[in-house]
Amino acid sequence: MKTLLEVVGWVALVQGVGGTVNTLLGWWRWAHDLLIVHHVGALAGYEVFASITLAVLGLALLGTAGTLKKGRSS
């Protein structure tokens, strides 16, 4: 479970930071099609807020994964 939370957390964090930077500054035009927020039609016009939410979610998942112990303990 810890590994899954870490992977999903990193993906959400990268998507959130990348989406925020791309939407606000337009530096990563090549990454436009790689970002989740640009593929969801309901988020049109709210890409910045969705990206920030993704980044915060990623940080929360990584923090939660950090509190879990790896493997089973009997």
Protein backbone atom coordinates (compact mmCIF):
# COMPACT_ATOMS: atom_id res chain seq x y z
CA MET A 1 0.00 0.00 0.00
CA LYS A 2 2.88 2.34 0.78
CA THR A 3 4.37 1.91 -2.68
CA LEU A 4 1.03 2.57 -4.36
CA LEU A 5 0.52 5.75 -2.33
CA GLU A 6 4.02 6.93 -3.19
CA VAL A 7 3.59 6.32 -6.93
CA VAL A 8 0.18 7.99 -7.08
CA GLY A 9 1.46 10.83 -4.88
CA TRP A 10 4.44 11.52 -7.13
CA VAL A 11 2.32 11.39 -10.28
CA ALA A 12 -0.22 13.81 -8.77
CA LEU A 13 2.54 16.13 -7.55
CA VAL A 14 4.30 16.23 -10.92
CA GLN A 15 1.01 16.72 -12.77
CA GLY A 16 0.01 19.49 -10.37
CA VAL A 17 3.28 21.41 -10.51
CA GLY A 18 3.62 20.92 -14.26
CA GLY A 19 0.06 22.02 -14.87
CA THR A 20 0.44 25.09 -12.70
CA VAL A 21 3.70 26.19 -14.34
CA ASN A 22 2.40 25.48 -17.83
CA THR A 23 -0.90 27.30 -17.28
CA LEU A 24 0.54 30.35 -15.52
CA LEU A 25 3.81 30.81 -17.36
CA GLY A 26 3.44 28.78 -20.54
CA TRP A 27 7.02 27.50 -20.30
CA TRP A 28 6.24 23.89 -21.14
CA ARG A 29 4.14 24.11 -24.29
CA TRP A 30 5.48 20.68 -25.33
CA ALA A 31 3.99 19.16 -22.17
CA HIS A 32 0.49 20.51 -22.76
CA ASP A 33 -0.81 17.17 -24.04
CA LEU A 34 0.85 15.24 -21.20
CA LEU A 35 -1.02 17.06 -18.44
CA ILE A 36 -4.26 15.58 -17.09
CA VAL A 37 -6.01 18.89 -16.46
CA HIS A 38 -6.00 19.75 -20.17
CA HIS A 39 -7.82 16.55 -21.10
CA VAL A 40 -10.81 16.95 -18.77
CA GLY A 41 -13.37 19.18 -20.48
CA ALA A 42 -15.14 20.08 -17.23
CA LEU A 43 -11.96 21.80 -16.00
CA ALA A 44 -11.75 24.23 -18.93
CA GLY A 45 -10.91 27.63 -17.49
CA TYR A 46 -10.04 26.17 -14.09
CA GLU A 47 -6.76 24.48 -14.98
CA VAL A 48 -4.74 26.45 -12.43
CA PHE A 49 -7.04 25.54 -9.55
CA ALA A 50 -7.18 21.89 -10.60
CA SER A 51 -3.39 21.76 -10.89
CA ILE A 52 -2.90 23.28 -7.45
CA THR A 53 -5.39 20.79 -6.04
CA LEU A 54 -3.49 17.93 -7.69
CA ALA A 55 -0.20 19.17 -6.21
CA VAL A 56 -1.71 19.41 -2.71
CA LEU A 57 -3.24 15.95 -3.12
CA GLY A 58 0.15 14.60 -4.16
CA LEU A 59 1.81 16.09 -1.09
CA ALA A 60 -0.91 14.65 1.14
CA LEU A 61 -0.51 11.19 -0.38
CA LEU A 62 3.27 11.31 -0.02
CA GLY A 63 2.90 12.43 3.59
CA THR A 64 0.48 9.62 4.29
CA ALA A 65 2.78 7.09 2.64
CA GLY A 66 5.62 8.35 4.82
CA THR A 67 3.72 7.45 7.97
CA LEU A 68 3.08 3.86 6.89
CA LYS A 69 5.46 1.04 7.62
CA LYS A 70 6.66 -1.00 4.67
CA GLY A 71 5.77 -4.68 4.77
CA ARG A 72 3.77 -6.63 7.28
CA SER A 73 4.64 -6.81 10.94
CA SER A 74 3.24 -9.57 13.10
